[in-house]
Amino acid sequence: MTTLLEPDELRRRSDSDSLAARNSILQPGDAIYVQIRRFDSSTGMSRFQPFEVPYQKWMRVLDVLNYVANHAAPDLAYCWFCGSKMCGTCAVRMNEREVLACWEAVEPIMTIEPLHNLPIVRDLVVDRAPYERKVISFEPWLERSKPYEGFPEPLSHRDMKNASKALDCISCMACYSACPVVRLGELTNFAGPAPLVQLAQTVLDPRNDQAKIARSLERTGIFNCVSCYKCEEVCPAKIPIVTHVIEPLKAKAAQLVPAMAQHAITFRAIVVRRGRIDPLELVLRLQRFRALLNVHRAVALLRRGKINPLVTIARIRSRAAQAATRILQTGKLR
């Protein structure tokens, strides 16, 4: 039987597990045990190499890497430039999460690896070319549909609130590394959160030409995003990537390129009309006669109670139908 913890005990455990609390057990001179993944591009082999680093007050992950390079492994390859959370070049994975080496405090035991989802050049250095090619392919610049009227140009907060969030991006690629859909590789054509943030800076700008926006969005595979929020969890700039970037881009794509959003549009239409999602109706409307090729799957779903043909045929509305219709139809898709 599970024992429920009292609020005070929950608070105590939460406080003791904070980064500050974990680092407070370290005193200057204490040993930090770190293992760094080393990768040799000439052989394609990787291995973890352990190091012991003396702790210094306010020590960051970058300080550990600098110490290792200066005292133990002068051939260690890693990137950094500004050292102050501005350039984004020092992003790595530390203890299985994406961090900026220049901003993340050390922990007593650390495993440091290169970012995921990008080719490794050497050790902790990754090749950013795949990301850069994707960004360029989206033509992430502004093309006006009418001539510039002069300065100052009136732009309201409502017009620019999502585009302005995207402008905080420092291109560190932490979100790209954390994305599980990007990790699927060629199984999807999803561009990934980092290229979409760059694209959002101009696509969500009301001055951009709508035909140009549609052309860019067609190449993104944005509806393959599963809204897992991993990108938001690791973003050092605290950009609400799903909420203020990907979801507005999906809405824009559904408006300008409806063929991209058939699943989302059909899903919404069923909920509006019936107040619930009916998986069988969704499949039949999207796949039509092709659904007959998966009869065995339909039988399995029927046995598990996942679908109900009688409810689908009768188009039974739930008690939430009126509220769903009111909420969804009053919102504007944009």
C-alpha atoms as a PDB file:
ATOM      1  CA  MET A   1       0.000   0.000   0.000  1.00  0.00           C
ATOM      2  CA  THR A   2       1.350   3.414  -0.984  1.00  0.00           C
ATOM      3  CA  THR A   3       1.685   5.924   1.846  1.00  0.00           C
ATOM      4  CA  LEU A   4       0.637   9.463   0.958  1.00  0.00           C
ATOM      5  CA  LEU A   5       3.134  12.088   2.020  1.00  0.00           C
ATOM      6  CA  GLU A   6       2.047  15.132   3.974  1.00  0.00           C
ATOM      7  CA  PRO A   7       2.392  18.520   2.190  1.00  0.00           C
ATOM      8  CA  ASP A   8       5.256  19.575   4.490  1.00  0.00           C
ATOM      9  CA  GLU A   9       7.178  16.385   3.711  1.00  0.00           C
ATOM     10  CA  LEU A  10       6.572  16.801  -0.025  1.00  0.00           C
ATOM     11  CA  ARG A  11       7.850  20.368   0.189  1.00  0.00           C
ATOM     12  CA  ARG A  12      10.935  19.276   2.158  1.00  0.00           C
ATOM     13  CA  ARG A  13      11.825  16.575  -0.359  1.00  0.00           C
ATOM     14  CA  SER A  14      11.242  18.927  -3.265  1.00  0.00           C
ATOM     15  CA  ASP A  15      13.477  21.585  -1.743  1.00  0.00           C
ATOM     16  CA  SER A  16      16.236  19.087  -0.981  1.00  0.00           C
ATOM     17  CA  ASP A  17      16.225  17.858  -4.580  1.00  0.00           C
ATOM     18  CA  SER A  18      16.723  21.310  -6.106  1.00  0.00           C
ATOM     19  CA  LEU A  19      19.887  22.037  -8.083  1.00  0.00           C
ATOM     20  CA  ALA A  20      21.005  24.564  -5.474  1.00  0.00           C
ATOM     21  CA  ALA A  21      20.533  22.029  -2.677  1.00  0.00           C
ATOM     22  CA  ARG A  22      22.395  19.288  -4.539  1.00  0.00           C
ATOM     23  CA  ASN A  23      25.300  21.654  -5.247  1.00  0.00           C
ATOM     24  CA  SER A  24      25.393  22.879  -1.656  1.00  0.00           C
ATOM     25  CA  ILE A  25      26.918  19.563  -0.603  1.00  0.00           C
ATOM     26  CA  LEU A  26      30.007  20.458  -2.652  1.00  0.00           C
ATOM     27  CA  GLN A  27      32.780  22.448  -1.056  1.00  0.00           C
ATOM     28  CA  PRO A  28      35.726  24.033  -2.896  1.00  0.00           C
ATOM     29  CA  GLY A  29      38.232  21.315  -3.655  1.00  0.00           C
ATOM     30  CA  ASP A  30      35.713  18.463  -3.516  1.00  0.00           C
ATOM     31  CA  ALA A  31      35.921  16.014  -6.413  1.00  0.00           C
ATOM     32  CA  ILE A  32      33.421  16.131  -9.249  1.00  0.00           C
ATOM     33  CA  TYR A  33      33.220  12.861 -11.112  1.00  0.00           C
ATOM     34  CA  VAL A  34      32.493  13.375 -14.785  1.00  0.00           C
ATOM     35  CA  GLN A  35      32.516  11.069 -17.767  1.00  0.00           C
ATOM     36  CA  ILE A  36      32.564  12.604 -21.226  1.00  0.00           C
ATOM     37  CA  ARG A  37      31.602  10.824 -24.398  1.00  0.00           C
ATOM     38  CA  ARG A  38      34.558  10.920 -26.786  1.00  0.00           C
ATOM     39  CA  PHE A  39      33.883  10.337 -30.483  1.00  0.00           C
ATOM     40  CA  ASP A  40      36.506   9.786 -33.175  1.00  0.00           C
ATOM     41  CA  SER A  41      35.078  10.598 -36.614  1.00  0.00           C
ATOM     42  CA  SER A  42      37.933   8.822 -38.385  1.00  0.00           C
ATOM     43  CA  THR A  43      37.010   5.464 -36.833  1.00  0.00           C
ATOM     44  CA  GLY A  44      33.368   6.090 -36.011  1.00  0.00           C
ATOM     45  CA  MET A  45      34.003   4.761 -32.494  1.00  0.00           C
ATOM     46  CA  SER A  46      32.792   6.389 -29.278  1.00  0.00           C
ATOM     47  CA  ARG A  47      33.595   5.753 -25.642  1.00  0.00           C
ATOM     48  CA  PHE A  48      33.161   7.370 -22.252  1.00  0.00           C
ATOM     49  CA  GLN A  49      36.292   8.768 -20.651  1.00  0.00           C
ATOM     50  CA  PRO A  50      36.196   9.472 -16.885  1.00  0.00           C
ATOM     51  CA  PHE A  51      37.736  12.540 -15.265  1.00  0.00           C
ATOM     52  CA  GLU A  52      37.980  13.925 -11.754  1.00  0.00           C
ATOM     53  CA  VAL A  53      37.689  17.710 -11.427  1.00  0.00           C
ATOM     54  CA  PRO A  54      38.117  19.795  -8.221  1.00  0.00           C
ATOM     55  CA  TYR A  55      35.002  21.806  -7.444  1.00  0.00           C
ATOM     56  CA  GLN A  56      35.172  25.603  -7.397  1.00  0.00           C
ATOM     57  CA  LYS A  57      32.465  27.923  -6.151  1.00  0.00           C
ATOM     58  CA  TRP A  58      29.806  28.780  -8.766  1.00  0.00           C
ATOM     59  CA  MET A  59      31.272  26.178 -11.102  1.00  0.00           C
ATOM     60  CA  ARG A  60      29.424  25.582 -14.390  1.00  0.00           C
ATOM     61  CA  VAL A  61      29.495  22.626 -16.773  1.00  0.00           C
ATOM     62  CA  LEU A  62      31.599  24.783 -19.101  1.00  0.00           C
ATOM     63  CA  ASP A  63      34.149  25.306 -16.329  1.00  0.00           C
ATOM     64  CA  VAL A  64      34.455  21.539 -15.981  1.00  0.00           C
ATOM     65  CA  LEU A  65      35.048  21.151 -19.715  1.00  0.00           C
ATOM     66  CA  ASN A  66      37.643  23.923 -19.647  1.00  0.00           C
ATOM     67  CA  TYR A  67      39.430  22.283 -16.709  1.00  0.00           C
ATOM     68  CA  VAL A  68      39.484  18.903 -18.472  1.00  0.00           C
ATOM     69  CA  ALA A  69      40.832  20.475 -21.674  1.00  0.00           C
ATOM     70  CA  ASN A  70      43.509  22.428 -19.781  1.00  0.00           C
ATOM     71  CA  HIS A  71      44.679  19.702 -17.399  1.00  0.00           C
ATOM     72  CA  ALA A  72      43.742  16.229 -18.615  1.00  0.00           C
ATOM     73  CA  ALA A  73      42.600  16.006 -22.235  1.00  0.00           C
ATOM     74  CA  PRO A  74      43.917  18.835 -24.430  1.00  0.00           C
ATOM     75  CA  ASP A  75      42.377  17.178 -27.498  1.00  0.00           C
ATOM     76  CA  LEU A  76      38.825  17.377 -26.095  1.00  0.00           C
ATOM     77  CA  ALA A  77      36.544  18.985 -28.698  1.00  0.00           C
ATOM     78  CA  TYR A  78      33.638  21.174 -27.531  1.00  0.00           C
ATOM     79  CA  CYS A  79      32.134  24.524 -28.511  1.00  0.00           C
ATOM     80  CA  TRP A  80      31.510  27.798 -26.766  1.00  0.00           C
ATOM     81  CA  PHE A  81      31.824  31.441 -27.649  1.00  0.00           C
ATOM     82  CA  CYS A  82      30.094  33.997 -25.413  1.00  0.00           C
ATOM     83  CA  GLY A  83      29.933  32.091 -22.121  1.00  0.00           C
ATOM     84  CA  SER A  84      26.879  34.109 -21.117  1.00  0.00           C
ATOM     85  CA  LYS A  85      23.746  32.421 -22.532  1.00  0.00           C
ATOM     86  CA  MET A  86      23.683  34.471 -25.719  1.00  0.00           C
ATOM     87  CA  CYS A  87      25.229  32.495 -28.591  1.00  0.00           C
ATOM     88  CA  GLY A  88      23.813  29.013 -27.946  1.00  0.00           C
ATOM     89  CA  THR A  89      26.928  27.199 -29.203  1.00  0.00           C
ATOM     90  CA  CYS A  90      27.749  25.363 -25.957  1.00  0.00           C
ATOM     91  CA  ALA A  91      24.613  23.213 -25.685  1.00  0.00           C
ATOM     92  CA  VAL A  92      25.290  19.611 -24.615  1.00  0.00           C
ATOM     93  CA  ARG A  93      23.468  16.793 -22.862  1.00  0.00           C
ATOM     94  CA  MET A  94      24.284  16.557 -19.178  1.00  0.00           C
ATOM     95  CA  ASN A  95      22.838  13.641 -17.187  1.00  0.00           C
ATOM     96  CA  GLU A  96      20.397  12.893 -20.021  1.00  0.00           C
ATOM     97  CA  ARG A  97      18.996  16.391 -20.382  1.00  0.00           C
ATOM     98  CA  GLU A  98      19.868  19.241 -22.731  1.00  0.00           C
ATOM     99  CA  VAL A  99      21.608  22.201 -21.087  1.00  0.00           C
ATOM    100  CA  LEU A 100      23.750  25.203 -21.921  1.00  0.00           C
ATOM    101  CA  ALA A 101      27.197  24.390 -20.565  1.00  0.00           C
ATOM    102  CA  CYS A 102      27.826  28.074 -19.825  1.00  0.00           C
ATOM    103  CA  TRP A 103      24.697  28.389 -17.671  1.00  0.00           C
ATOM    104  CA  GLU A 104      24.166  25.015 -16.006  1.00  0.00           C
ATOM    105  CA  ALA A 105      25.614  24.476 -12.535  1.00  0.00           C
ATOM    106  CA  VAL A 106      27.674  21.349 -12.006  1.00  0.00           C
ATOM    107  CA  GLU A 107      26.460  18.272 -10.184  1.00  0.00           C
ATOM    108  CA  PRO A 108      28.639  15.951  -8.089  1.00  0.00           C
ATOM    109  CA  ILE A 109      28.409  13.183 -10.710  1.00  0.00           C
ATOM    110  CA  MET A 110      27.941  14.061 -14.370  1.00  0.00           C
ATOM    111  CA  THR A 111      27.736  12.354 -17.737  1.00  0.00           C
ATOM    112  CA  ILE A 112      28.244  14.768 -20.630  1.00  0.00           C
ATOM    113  CA  GLU A 113      27.329  13.870 -24.206  1.00  0.00           C
ATOM    114  CA  PRO A 114      26.796  15.694 -27.513  1.00  0.00           C
ATOM    115  CA  LEU A 115      23.315  16.723 -28.611  1.00  0.00           C
ATOM    116  CA  HIS A 116      21.083  14.103 -30.184  1.00  0.00           C
ATOM    117  CA  ASN A 117      19.588  14.143 -33.708  1.00  0.00           C
ATOM    118  CA  LEU A 118      22.630  15.771 -35.326  1.00  0.00           C
ATOM    119  CA  PRO A 119      25.782  14.240 -36.855  1.00  0.00           C
ATOM    120  CA  ILE A 120      28.749  14.234 -34.472  1.00  0.00           C
ATOM    121  CA  VAL A 121      31.904  15.893 -35.774  1.00  0.00           C
ATOM    122  CA  ARG A 122      34.110  15.016 -32.791  1.00  0.00           C
ATOM    123  CA  ASP A 123      33.514  14.501 -29.086  1.00  0.00           C
ATOM    124  CA  LEU A 124      30.875  17.086 -28.067  1.00  0.00           C
ATOM    125  CA  VAL A 125      30.878  18.988 -31.373  1.00  0.00           C
ATOM    126  CA  VAL A 126      27.879  18.396 -33.656  1.00  0.00           C
ATOM    127  CA  ASP A 127      27.277  19.359 -37.274  1.00  0.00           C
ATOM    128  CA  ARG A 128      24.572  22.033 -37.486  1.00  0.00           C
ATOM    129  CA  ALA A 129      24.266  21.758 -41.284  1.00  0.00           C
ATOM    130  CA  PRO A 130      21.027  19.670 -41.287  1.00  0.00           C
ATOM    131  CA  TYR A 131      19.319  22.327 -39.155  1.00  0.00           C
ATOM    132  CA  GLU A 132      20.664  25.178 -41.275  1.00  0.00           C
ATOM    133  CA  ARG A 133      19.577  23.505 -44.529  1.00  0.00           C
ATOM    134  CA  LYS A 134      16.058  23.083 -43.187  1.00  0.00           C
ATOM    135  CA  VAL A 135      15.858  26.712 -42.110  1.00  0.00           C
ATOM    136  CA  ILE A 136      17.071  27.964 -45.504  1.00  0.00           C
ATOM    137  CA  SER A 137      14.619  25.696 -47.355  1.00  0.00           C
ATOM    138  CA  PHE A 138      11.718  27.433 -45.576  1.00  0.00           C
ATOM    139  CA  GLU A 139      12.750  30.839 -46.961  1.00  0.00           C
ATOM    140  CA  PRO A 140      12.480  32.387 -43.477  1.00  0.00           C
ATOM    141  CA  TRP A 141      12.337  35.986 -44.572  1.00  0.00           C
ATOM    142  CA  LEU A 142       9.564  38.506 -44.861  1.00  0.00           C
ATOM    143  CA  GLU A 143       8.008  39.294 -48.238  1.00  0.00           C
ATOM    144  CA  ARG A 144       5.518  42.109 -48.126  1.00  0.00           C
ATOM    145  CA  SER A 145       2.217  41.815 -49.947  1.00  0.00           C
ATOM    146  CA  LYS A 146       2.018  45.617 -50.162  1.00  0.00           C
ATOM    147  CA  PRO A 147       4.638  48.391 -50.258  1.00  0.00           C
ATOM    148  CA  TYR A 148       6.263  49.610 -47.070  1.00  0.00           C
ATOM    149  CA  GLU A 149       4.248  52.581 -45.839  1.00  0.00           C
ATOM    150  CA  GLY A 150       6.984  54.300 -43.893  1.00  0.00           C
ATOM    151  CA  PHE A 151       8.284  54.572 -40.369  1.00  0.00           C
ATOM    152  CA  PRO A 152       7.047  54.082 -37.697  1.00  0.00           C
ATOM    153  CA  GLU A 153       5.002  51.112 -38.804  1.00  0.00           C
ATOM    154  CA  PRO A 154       1.987  50.375 -36.594  1.00  0.00           C
ATOM    155  CA  LEU A 155       2.157  46.876 -35.107  1.00  0.00           C
ATOM    156  CA  SER A 156       0.031  45.875 -32.137  1.00  0.00           C
ATOM    157  CA  HIS A 157       0.987  43.464 -29.384  1.00  0.00           C
ATOM    158  CA  ARG A 158      -1.812  41.169 -30.547  1.00  0.00           C
ATOM    159  CA  ASP A 159      -0.276  41.071 -34.045  1.00  0.00           C
ATOM    160  CA  MET A 160       3.245  40.294 -32.891  1.00  0.00           C
ATOM    161  CA  LYS A 161       2.889  38.402 -29.596  1.00  0.00           C
ATOM    162  CA  ASN A 162       3.804  34.977 -31.040  1.00  0.00           C
ATOM    163  CA  ALA A 163       6.452  36.178 -33.496  1.00  0.00           C
ATOM    164  CA  SER A 164       8.123  38.167 -30.711  1.00  0.00           C
ATOM    165  CA  LYS A 165       8.398  35.055 -28.526  1.00  0.00           C
ATOM    166  CA  ALA A 166      10.204  33.252 -31.340  1.00  0.00           C
ATOM    167  CA  LEU A 167      12.695  36.134 -31.647  1.00  0.00           C
ATOM    168  CA  ASP A 168      14.169  35.130 -28.267  1.00  0.00           C
ATOM    169  CA  CYS A 169      15.691  31.991 -29.852  1.00  0.00           C
ATOM    170  CA  ILE A 170      19.490  31.670 -29.575  1.00  0.00           C
ATOM    171  CA  SER A 171      19.678  28.637 -31.937  1.00  0.00           C
ATOM    172  CA  CYS A 172      21.247  26.398 -29.297  1.00  0.00           C
ATOM    173  CA  MET A 173      19.516  23.306 -30.775  1.00  0.00           C
ATOM    174  CA  ALA A 174      18.562  21.954 -27.321  1.00  0.00           C
ATOM    175  CA  CYS A 175      14.931  21.574 -28.423  1.00  0.00           C
ATOM    176  CA  TYR A 176      15.982  19.824 -31.633  1.00  0.00           C
ATOM    177  CA  SER A 177      18.004  17.311 -29.609  1.00  0.00           C
ATOM    178  CA  ALA A 178      15.140  16.645 -27.183  1.00  0.00           C
ATOM    179  CA  CYS A 179      12.463  16.139 -29.861  1.00  0.00           C
ATOM    180  CA  PRO A 180      11.351  12.471 -30.056  1.00  0.00           C
ATOM    181  CA  VAL A 181       9.763  12.956 -33.505  1.00  0.00           C
ATOM    182  CA  VAL A 182      12.990  14.263 -35.041  1.00  0.00           C
ATOM    183  CA  ARG A 183      14.640  11.158 -33.574  1.00  0.00           C
ATOM    184  CA  LEU A 184      12.436   9.017 -35.857  1.00  0.00           C
ATOM    185  CA  GLY A 185      14.460  10.301 -38.808  1.00  0.00           C
ATOM    186  CA  GLU A 186      13.004   9.626 -42.246  1.00  0.00           C
ATOM    187  CA  LEU A 187       9.848   7.997 -40.852  1.00  0.00           C
ATOM    188  CA  THR A 188       8.375  11.505 -40.718  1.00  0.00           C
ATOM    189  CA  ASN A 189       9.060  14.734 -42.559  1.00  0.00           C
ATOM    190  CA  PHE A 190       8.835  16.833 -39.380  1.00  0.00           C
ATOM    191  CA  ALA A 191      11.220  19.777 -39.536  1.00  0.00           C
ATOM    192  CA  GLY A 192      11.769  19.894 -35.788  1.00  0.00           C
ATOM    193  CA  PRO A 193      11.160  22.650 -33.226  1.00  0.00           C
ATOM    194  CA  ALA A 194      14.332  24.697 -33.823  1.00  0.00           C
ATOM    195  CA  PRO A 195      13.724  25.340 -37.569  1.00  0.00           C
ATOM    196  CA  LEU A 196      10.061  26.072 -36.830  1.00  0.00           C
ATOM    197  CA  VAL A 197      11.004  28.704 -34.252  1.00  0.00           C
ATOM    198  CA  GLN A 198      13.153  30.413 -36.880  1.00  0.00           C
ATOM    199  CA  LEU A 199      10.328  30.201 -39.404  1.00  0.00           C
ATOM    200  CA  ALA A 200       7.782  31.551 -36.915  1.00  0.00           C
ATOM    201  CA  GLN A 201       9.681  34.823 -36.626  1.00  0.00           C
ATOM    202  CA  THR A 202       8.412  35.804 -40.081  1.00  0.00           C
ATOM    203  CA  VAL A 203       5.432  33.476 -40.717  1.00  0.00           C
ATOM    204  CA  LEU A 204       3.648  34.821 -37.628  1.00  0.00           C
ATOM    205  CA  ASP A 205       4.410  38.405 -38.690  1.00  0.00           C
ATOM    206  CA  PRO A 206       1.205  39.955 -40.117  1.00  0.00           C
ATOM    207  CA  ARG A 207       3.189  41.818 -42.808  1.00  0.00           C
ATOM    208  CA  ASN A 208       4.317  38.622 -44.525  1.00  0.00           C
ATOM    209  CA  ASP A 209       2.734  37.591 -47.827  1.00  0.00           C
ATOM    210  CA  GLN A 210       0.173  34.806 -47.350  1.00  0.00           C
ATOM    211  CA  ALA A 211       1.192  32.890 -50.492  1.00  0.00           C
ATOM    212  CA  LYS A 212       4.798  32.974 -49.302  1.00  0.00           C
ATOM    213  CA  ILE A 213       3.723  31.673 -45.877  1.00  0.00           C
ATOM    214  CA  ALA A 214       1.756  28.807 -47.419  1.00  0.00           C
ATOM    215  CA  ARG A 215       4.736  27.845 -49.558  1.00  0.00           C
ATOM    216  CA  SER A 216       6.978  27.698 -46.502  1.00  0.00           C
ATOM    217  CA  LEU A 217       4.541  25.788 -44.289  1.00  0.00           C
ATOM    218  CA  GLU A 218       4.036  23.077 -46.912  1.00  0.00           C
ATOM    219  CA  ARG A 219       7.639  21.955 -46.328  1.00  0.00           C
ATOM    220  CA  THR A 220       7.510  21.704 -42.532  1.00  0.00           C
ATOM    221  CA  GLY A 221       5.589  18.487 -41.839  1.00  0.00           C
ATOM    222  CA  ILE A 222       4.289  20.368 -38.822  1.00  0.00           C
ATOM    223  CA  PHE A 223       1.316  18.101 -38.171  1.00  0.00           C
ATOM    224  CA  ASN A 224       3.712  15.309 -37.251  1.00  0.00           C
ATOM    225  CA  CYS A 225       4.444  17.206 -34.025  1.00  0.00           C
ATOM    226  CA  VAL A 226       2.921  15.288 -31.094  1.00  0.00           C
ATOM    227  CA  SER A 227       2.928  18.258 -28.676  1.00  0.00           C
ATOM    228  CA  CYS A 228       4.981  16.389 -26.059  1.00  0.00           C
ATOM    229  CA  TYR A 229       6.446  19.673 -24.720  1.00  0.00           C
ATOM    230  CA  LYS A 230       9.976  18.229 -24.526  1.00  0.00           C
ATOM    231  CA  CYS A 231      11.186  21.254 -26.517  1.00  0.00           C
ATOM    232  CA  GLU A 232       9.697  23.680 -23.994  1.00  0.00           C
ATOM    233  CA  GLU A 233      11.179  21.762 -21.065  1.00  0.00           C
ATOM    234  CA  VAL A 234      14.759  22.207 -22.264  1.00  0.00           C
ATOM    235  CA  CYS A 235      14.606  25.658 -23.898  1.00  0.00           C
ATOM    236  CA  PRO A 236      17.109  27.889 -22.035  1.00  0.00           C
ATOM    237  CA  ALA A 237      15.383  31.008 -23.390  1.00  0.00           C
ATOM    238  CA  LYS A 238      12.062  29.812 -21.906  1.00  0.00           C
ATOM    239  CA  ILE A 239      10.263  30.112 -25.252  1.00  0.00           C
ATOM    240  CA  PRO A 240       6.800  28.474 -25.105  1.00  0.00           C
ATOM    241  CA  ILE A 241       7.593  26.582 -28.319  1.00  0.00           C
ATOM    242  CA  VAL A 242       4.481  24.417 -28.494  1.00  0.00           C
ATOM    243  CA  THR A 243       2.025  26.995 -27.171  1.00  0.00           C
ATOM    244  CA  HIS A 244       3.219  30.138 -28.975  1.00  0.00           C
ATOM    245  CA  VAL A 245       5.062  28.737 -31.992  1.00  0.00           C
ATOM    246  CA  ILE A 246       3.971  25.305 -33.167  1.00  0.00           C
ATOM    247  CA  GLU A 247       0.249  25.578 -32.390  1.00  0.00           C
ATOM    248  CA  PRO A 248      -0.100  28.997 -34.097  1.00  0.00           C
ATOM    249  CA  LEU A 249       1.845  27.608 -37.079  1.00  0.00           C
ATOM    250  CA  LYS A 250      -0.518  24.625 -37.231  1.00  0.00           C
ATOM    251  CA  ALA A 251      -3.490  26.983 -37.215  1.00  0.00           C
ATOM    252  CA  LYS A 252      -1.912  29.047 -39.977  1.00  0.00           C
ATOM    253  CA  ALA A 253      -1.227  25.896 -42.025  1.00  0.00           C
ATOM    254  CA  ALA A 254      -4.808  24.672 -41.564  1.00  0.00           C
ATOM    255  CA  GLN A 255      -6.041  28.031 -42.836  1.00  0.00           C
ATOM    256  CA  LEU A 256      -3.715  28.403 -45.819  1.00  0.00           C
ATOM    257  CA  VAL A 257      -2.933  24.761 -46.738  1.00  0.00           C
ATOM    258  CA  PRO A 258      -5.998  22.724 -45.629  1.00  0.00           C
ATOM    259  CA  ALA A 259      -4.694  19.575 -47.301  1.00  0.00           C
ATOM    260  CA  MET A 260      -1.942  19.432 -44.662  1.00  0.00           C
ATOM    261  CA  ALA A 261      -4.459  19.456 -41.829  1.00  0.00           C
ATOM    262  CA  GLN A 262      -7.135  16.988 -42.879  1.00  0.00           C
ATOM    263  CA  HIS A 263      -6.761  14.946 -39.699  1.00  0.00           C
ATOM    264  CA  ALA A 264      -6.935  18.013 -37.425  1.00  0.00           C
ATOM    265  CA  ILE A 265      -9.814  19.610 -39.366  1.00  0.00           C
ATOM    266  CA  THR A 266     -11.839  16.381 -39.403  1.00  0.00           C
ATOM    267  CA  PHE A 267     -11.116  15.753 -35.714  1.00  0.00           C
ATOM    268  CA  ARG A 268     -12.352  19.249 -34.863  1.00  0.00           C
ATOM    269  CA  ALA A 269     -15.475  18.925 -37.011  1.00  0.00           C
ATOM    270  CA  ILE A 270     -16.507  15.703 -35.239  1.00  0.00           C
ATOM    271  CA  VAL A 271     -16.040  17.272 -31.803  1.00  0.00           C
ATOM    272  CA  VAL A 272     -17.974  20.402 -32.845  1.00  0.00           C
ATOM    273  CA  ARG A 273     -20.926  18.370 -34.098  1.00  0.00           C
ATOM    274  CA  ARG A 274     -21.028  15.585 -31.519  1.00  0.00           C
ATOM    275  CA  GLY A 275     -19.180  16.870 -28.451  1.00  0.00           C
ATOM    276  CA  ARG A 276     -16.825  13.905 -28.440  1.00  0.00           C
ATOM    277  CA  ILE A 277     -14.256  12.235 -30.642  1.00  0.00           C
ATOM    278  CA  ASP A 278     -15.421   9.084 -32.404  1.00  0.00           C
ATOM    279  CA  PRO A 279     -12.346   7.103 -33.550  1.00  0.00           C
ATOM    280  CA  LEU A 280     -14.350   5.017 -36.020  1.00  0.00           C
ATOM    281  CA  GLU A 281     -15.906   8.039 -37.701  1.00  0.00           C
ATOM    282  CA  LEU A 282     -12.493   9.741 -37.825  1.00  0.00           C
ATOM    283  CA  VAL A 283     -10.929   6.747 -39.607  1.00  0.00           C
ATOM    284  CA  LEU A 284     -13.850   6.330 -42.025  1.00  0.00           C
ATOM    285  CA  ARG A 285     -13.860  10.017 -42.974  1.00  0.00           C
ATOM    286  CA  LEU A 286     -10.110  10.140 -43.490  1.00  0.00           C
ATOM    287  CA  GLN A 287      -9.444   6.767 -45.110  1.00  0.00           C
ATOM    288  CA  ARG A 288     -12.838   5.964 -46.700  1.00  0.00           C
ATOM    289  CA  PHE A 289     -12.590   2.695 -48.631  1.00  0.00           C
ATOM    290  CA  ARG A 290      -8.970   2.186 -47.580  1.00  0.00           C
ATOM    291  CA  ALA A 291     -10.260   1.488 -44.071  1.00  0.00           C
ATOM    292  CA  LEU A 292     -11.572  -1.875 -45.345  1.00  0.00           C
ATOM    293  CA  LEU A 293      -7.964  -3.008 -45.710  1.00  0.00           C
ATOM    294  CA  ASN A 294      -7.590  -2.876 -41.907  1.00  0.00           C
ATOM    295  CA  VAL A 295     -10.636  -4.896 -40.867  1.00  0.00           C
ATOM    296  CA  HIS A 296      -8.505  -6.990 -38.496  1.00  0.00           C
ATOM    297  CA  ARG A 297      -7.482  -3.819 -36.658  1.00  0.00           C
ATOM    298  CA  ALA A 298     -11.100  -2.673 -36.430  1.00  0.00           C
ATOM    299  CA  VAL A 299     -12.092  -6.046 -34.942  1.00  0.00           C
ATOM    300  CA  ALA A 300      -9.329  -5.739 -32.344  1.00  0.00           C
ATOM    301  CA  LEU A 301     -10.495  -2.229 -31.408  1.00  0.00           C
ATOM    302  CA  LEU A 302     -14.097  -3.435 -31.204  1.00  0.00           C
ATOM    303  CA  ARG A 303     -13.140  -6.228 -28.812  1.00  0.00           C
ATOM    304  CA  ARG A 304     -11.321  -3.762 -26.576  1.00  0.00           C
ATOM    305  CA  GLY A 305     -14.266  -1.388 -26.531  1.00  0.00           C
ATOM    306  CA  LYS A 306     -12.331   1.350 -28.303  1.00  0.00           C
ATOM    307  CA  ILE A 307     -15.005   1.802 -30.999  1.00  0.00           C
ATOM    308  CA  ASN A 308     -18.781   1.411 -31.102  1.00  0.00           C
ATOM    309  CA  PRO A 309     -20.309   1.086 -34.619  1.00  0.00           C
ATOM    310  CA  LEU A 310     -23.835   1.756 -33.303  1.00  0.00           C
ATOM    311  CA  VAL A 311     -22.767   5.111 -31.835  1.00  0.00           C
ATOM    312  CA  THR A 312     -21.022   5.983 -35.104  1.00  0.00           C
ATOM    313  CA  ILE A 313     -23.945   5.028 -37.364  1.00  0.00           C
ATOM    314  CA  ALA A 314     -26.499   6.792 -35.167  1.00  0.00           C
ATOM    315  CA  ARG A 315     -24.204   9.822 -34.801  1.00  0.00           C
ATOM    316  CA  ILE A 316     -25.131  10.069 -31.145  1.00  0.00           C
ATOM    317  CA  ARG A 317     -24.258  13.411 -29.586  1.00  0.00           C
ATOM    318  CA  SER A 318     -22.794  13.594 -26.110  1.00  0.00           C
ATOM    319  CA  ARG A 319     -24.005  15.931 -23.382  1.00  0.00           C
ATOM    320  CA  ALA A 320     -20.953  18.096 -24.090  1.00  0.00           C
ATOM    321  CA  ALA A 321     -21.972  18.705 -27.716  1.00  0.00           C
ATOM    322  CA  GLN A 322     -23.589  22.083 -27.125  1.00  0.00           C
ATOM    323  CA  ALA A 323     -20.666  23.387 -25.087  1.00  0.00           C
ATOM    324  CA  ALA A 324     -18.129  22.018 -27.581  1.00  0.00           C
ATOM    325  CA  THR A 325     -19.933  23.676 -30.468  1.00  0.00           C
ATOM    326  CA  ARG A 326     -20.092  27.001 -28.631  1.00  0.00           C
ATOM    327  CA  ILE A 327     -16.413  26.943 -27.630  1.00  0.00           C
ATOM    328  CA  LEU A 328     -14.889  25.714 -30.888  1.00  0.00           C
ATOM    329  CA  GLN A 329     -17.008  27.672 -33.330  1.00  0.00           C
ATOM    330  CA  THR A 330     -16.459  31.009 -31.604  1.00  0.00           C
ATOM    331  CA  GLY A 331     -12.662  30.620 -31.863  1.00  0.00           C
ATOM    332  CA  LYS A 332     -11.029  31.914 -35.023  1.00  0.00           C
ATOM    333  CA  LEU A 333      -8.553  29.712 -36.867  1.00  0.00           C
ATOM    334  CA  ARG A 334      -5.481  31.772 -37.666  1.00  0.00           C
END
